[in-house]
Amino acid sequence: MIEEYTKVKTLVAKEGFPAGTVGVVVSLYSNGLACEVEVWDDTDYPVDVVTYTFDELEEVE
């Protein structure tokens, strides 16, 4: 289950970030349909925050 601080991989390209971008969930929308993900570059440095629906994300272990 995806919650705050869950490490995720994106399944779609969005706002200039390709599918497969890794990040961490930083907040959940109160309607339960989407969340804000802090996306990281190739060196695991945070570069932006993007909104994704839960079906656009996959949990990473």
N, C-alpha and C. Protein backbone atom coordinates (compact mmCIF):
# COMPACT_ATOMS: atom_id res chain seq x y z
N MET A 1 0.84 -1.18 0.00
CA MET A 1 0.00 0.00 0.00
C MET A 1 0.89 1.25 0.00
N ILE A 2 0.57 2.17 -0.84
CA ILE A 2 1.35 3.39 -0.94
C ILE A 2 0.89 4.39 0.11
N GLU A 3 1.83 4.86 0.92
CA GLU A 3 1.58 5.85 1.97
C GLU A 3 2.66 6.91 1.89
N GLU A 4 2.60 7.91 2.77
CA GLU A 4 3.68 8.89 2.83
C GLU A 4 5.00 8.17 3.11
N TYR A 5 6.05 8.64 2.52
CA TYR A 5 7.42 8.14 2.65
C TYR A 5 7.66 6.81 1.93
N THR A 6 6.69 6.35 1.13
CA THR A 6 6.89 5.15 0.32
C THR A 6 7.74 5.50 -0.89
N LYS A 7 8.77 4.70 -1.15
CA LYS A 7 9.59 4.88 -2.35
C LYS A 7 8.82 4.28 -3.52
N VAL A 8 8.70 5.04 -4.62
CA VAL A 8 7.91 4.61 -5.76
C VAL A 8 8.65 4.81 -7.07
N LYS A 9 8.16 4.12 -8.10
CA LYS A 9 8.62 4.29 -9.47
C LYS A 9 7.41 4.67 -10.29
N THR A 10 7.56 5.65 -11.18
CA THR A 10 6.43 6.09 -11.99
C THR A 10 6.22 5.14 -13.16
N LEU A 11 4.95 4.98 -13.55
CA LEU A 11 4.61 4.11 -14.67
C LEU A 11 4.26 4.90 -15.93
N VAL A 12 4.21 6.22 -15.81
CA VAL A 12 3.88 7.10 -16.93
C VAL A 12 4.84 8.28 -16.98
N ALA A 13 4.99 8.86 -18.15
CA ALA A 13 5.76 10.11 -18.30
C ALA A 13 4.85 11.27 -17.91
N LYS A 14 5.40 12.21 -17.17
CA LYS A 14 4.60 13.36 -16.75
C LYS A 14 5.52 14.53 -16.43
N GLU A 15 5.13 15.73 -16.86
CA GLU A 15 5.84 16.99 -16.57
C GLU A 15 7.34 16.90 -16.86
N GLY A 16 7.69 16.22 -17.95
CA GLY A 16 9.08 16.13 -18.36
C GLY A 16 9.86 15.00 -17.73
N PHE A 17 9.24 14.22 -16.87
CA PHE A 17 9.90 13.08 -16.23
C PHE A 17 9.42 11.80 -16.90
N PRO A 18 10.34 10.93 -17.33
CA PRO A 18 9.94 9.72 -18.04
C PRO A 18 9.36 8.67 -17.10
N ALA A 19 8.65 7.71 -17.68
CA ALA A 19 8.22 6.55 -16.90
C ALA A 19 9.47 5.88 -16.34
N GLY A 20 9.39 5.37 -15.13
CA GLY A 20 10.53 4.75 -14.49
C GLY A 20 11.28 5.67 -13.56
N THR A 21 10.83 6.92 -13.46
CA THR A 21 11.45 7.87 -12.54
C THR A 21 11.17 7.43 -11.11
N VAL A 22 12.18 7.50 -10.26
CA VAL A 22 12.05 7.09 -8.86
C VAL A 22 11.87 8.31 -7.98
N GLY A 23 11.10 8.14 -6.91
CA GLY A 23 10.88 9.22 -5.96
C GLY A 23 10.25 8.70 -4.68
N VAL A 24 9.81 9.62 -3.85
CA VAL A 24 9.18 9.24 -2.59
C VAL A 24 7.90 10.06 -2.42
N VAL A 25 6.87 9.42 -1.90
CA VAL A 25 5.59 10.09 -1.66
C VAL A 25 5.76 11.05 -0.49
N VAL A 26 5.42 12.32 -0.69
CA VAL A 26 5.58 13.31 0.37
C VAL A 26 4.25 13.77 0.96
N SER A 27 3.14 13.55 0.23
CA SER A 27 1.83 13.87 0.80
C SER A 27 0.74 13.16 0.00
N LEU A 28 -0.37 12.88 0.68
CA LEU A 28 -1.51 12.22 0.07
C LEU A 28 -2.66 13.22 -0.03
N TYR A 29 -3.39 13.19 -1.13
CA TYR A 29 -4.57 14.05 -1.27
C TYR A 29 -5.68 13.49 -0.38
N SER A 30 -6.46 14.36 0.22
CA SER A 30 -7.52 13.94 1.15
C SER A 30 -8.60 13.12 0.46
N ASN A 31 -8.77 13.27 -0.86
CA ASN A 31 -9.79 12.49 -1.57
C ASN A 31 -9.33 11.05 -1.81
N GLY A 32 -8.07 10.76 -1.51
CA GLY A 32 -7.54 9.41 -1.65
C GLY A 32 -7.25 8.96 -3.07
N LEU A 33 -7.26 9.88 -4.03
CA LEU A 33 -7.08 9.50 -5.42
C LEU A 33 -5.69 9.80 -5.98
N ALA A 34 -4.92 10.63 -5.29
CA ALA A 34 -3.63 11.05 -5.82
C ALA A 34 -2.67 11.39 -4.68
N CYS A 35 -1.43 11.63 -5.07
CA CYS A 35 -0.42 12.00 -4.08
C CYS A 35 0.65 12.86 -4.75
N GLU A 36 1.42 13.53 -3.92
CA GLU A 36 2.56 14.32 -4.38
C GLU A 36 3.81 13.46 -4.22
N VAL A 37 4.60 13.38 -5.28
CA VAL A 37 5.82 12.58 -5.27
C VAL A 37 7.02 13.49 -5.49
N GLU A 38 7.98 13.42 -4.59
CA GLU A 38 9.26 14.12 -4.77
C GLU A 38 10.08 13.24 -5.68
N VAL A 39 10.28 13.67 -6.93
CA VAL A 39 11.02 12.87 -7.90
C VAL A 39 12.51 13.17 -7.80
N TRP A 40 13.31 12.13 -8.09
CA TRP A 40 14.76 12.22 -7.94
C TRP A 40 15.45 12.07 -9.29
N ASP A 41 16.65 12.63 -9.37
CA ASP A 41 17.45 12.43 -10.58
C ASP A 41 18.24 11.13 -10.45
N ASP A 42 19.15 10.88 -11.38
CA ASP A 42 19.91 9.62 -11.39
C ASP A 42 20.83 9.44 -10.19
N THR A 43 21.11 10.53 -9.48
CA THR A 43 21.99 10.44 -8.30
C THR A 43 21.18 10.45 -7.00
N ASP A 44 19.87 10.21 -7.11
CA ASP A 44 18.95 10.22 -5.96
C ASP A 44 18.84 11.58 -5.29
N TYR A 45 19.03 12.63 -6.07
CA TYR A 45 18.88 14.00 -5.57
C TYR A 45 17.48 14.49 -5.94
N PRO A 46 16.70 15.03 -4.97
CA PRO A 46 15.36 15.50 -5.29
C PRO A 46 15.41 16.70 -6.24
N VAL A 47 14.56 16.64 -7.29
CA VAL A 47 14.57 17.70 -8.29
C VAL A 47 13.23 18.40 -8.48
N ASP A 48 12.12 17.77 -8.05
CA ASP A 48 10.80 18.38 -8.25
C ASP A 48 9.77 17.60 -7.46
N VAL A 49 8.58 18.17 -7.36
CA VAL A 49 7.42 17.49 -6.76
C VAL A 49 6.32 17.47 -7.80
N VAL A 50 5.80 16.27 -8.09
CA VAL A 50 4.81 16.07 -9.15
C VAL A 50 3.62 15.30 -8.57
N THR A 51 2.41 15.63 -9.03
CA THR A 51 1.21 14.93 -8.60
C THR A 51 0.97 13.72 -9.50
N TYR A 52 0.74 12.57 -8.88
CA TYR A 52 0.43 11.33 -9.59
C TYR A 52 -0.79 10.68 -8.95
N THR A 53 -1.58 9.99 -9.77
CA THR A 53 -2.64 9.14 -9.22
C THR A 53 -1.97 7.82 -8.83
N PHE A 54 -2.62 7.07 -7.97
CA PHE A 54 -2.01 5.84 -7.47
C PHE A 54 -1.81 4.79 -8.56
N ASP A 55 -2.63 4.81 -9.61
CA ASP A 55 -2.47 3.85 -10.69
C ASP A 55 -1.30 4.21 -11.61
N GLU A 56 -0.67 5.36 -11.39
CA GLU A 56 0.49 5.78 -12.16
C GLU A 56 1.79 5.49 -11.44
N LEU A 57 1.70 4.77 -10.30
CA LEU A 57 2.87 4.51 -9.47
C LEU A 57 2.97 3.03 -9.12
N GLU A 58 4.22 2.62 -8.85
CA GLU A 58 4.49 1.28 -8.38
C GLU A 58 5.44 1.38 -7.20
N GLU A 59 5.15 0.67 -6.14
CA GLU A 59 6.00 0.70 -4.95
C GLU A 59 7.34 0.03 -5.24
N VAL A 60 8.42 0.61 -4.74
CA VAL A 60 9.77 0.07 -4.90
C VAL A 60 10.27 -0.35 -3.53
N GLU A 61 10.95 -1.48 -3.49
CA GLU A 61 11.47 -1.96 -2.20
C GLU A 61 12.90 -1.61 -2.02
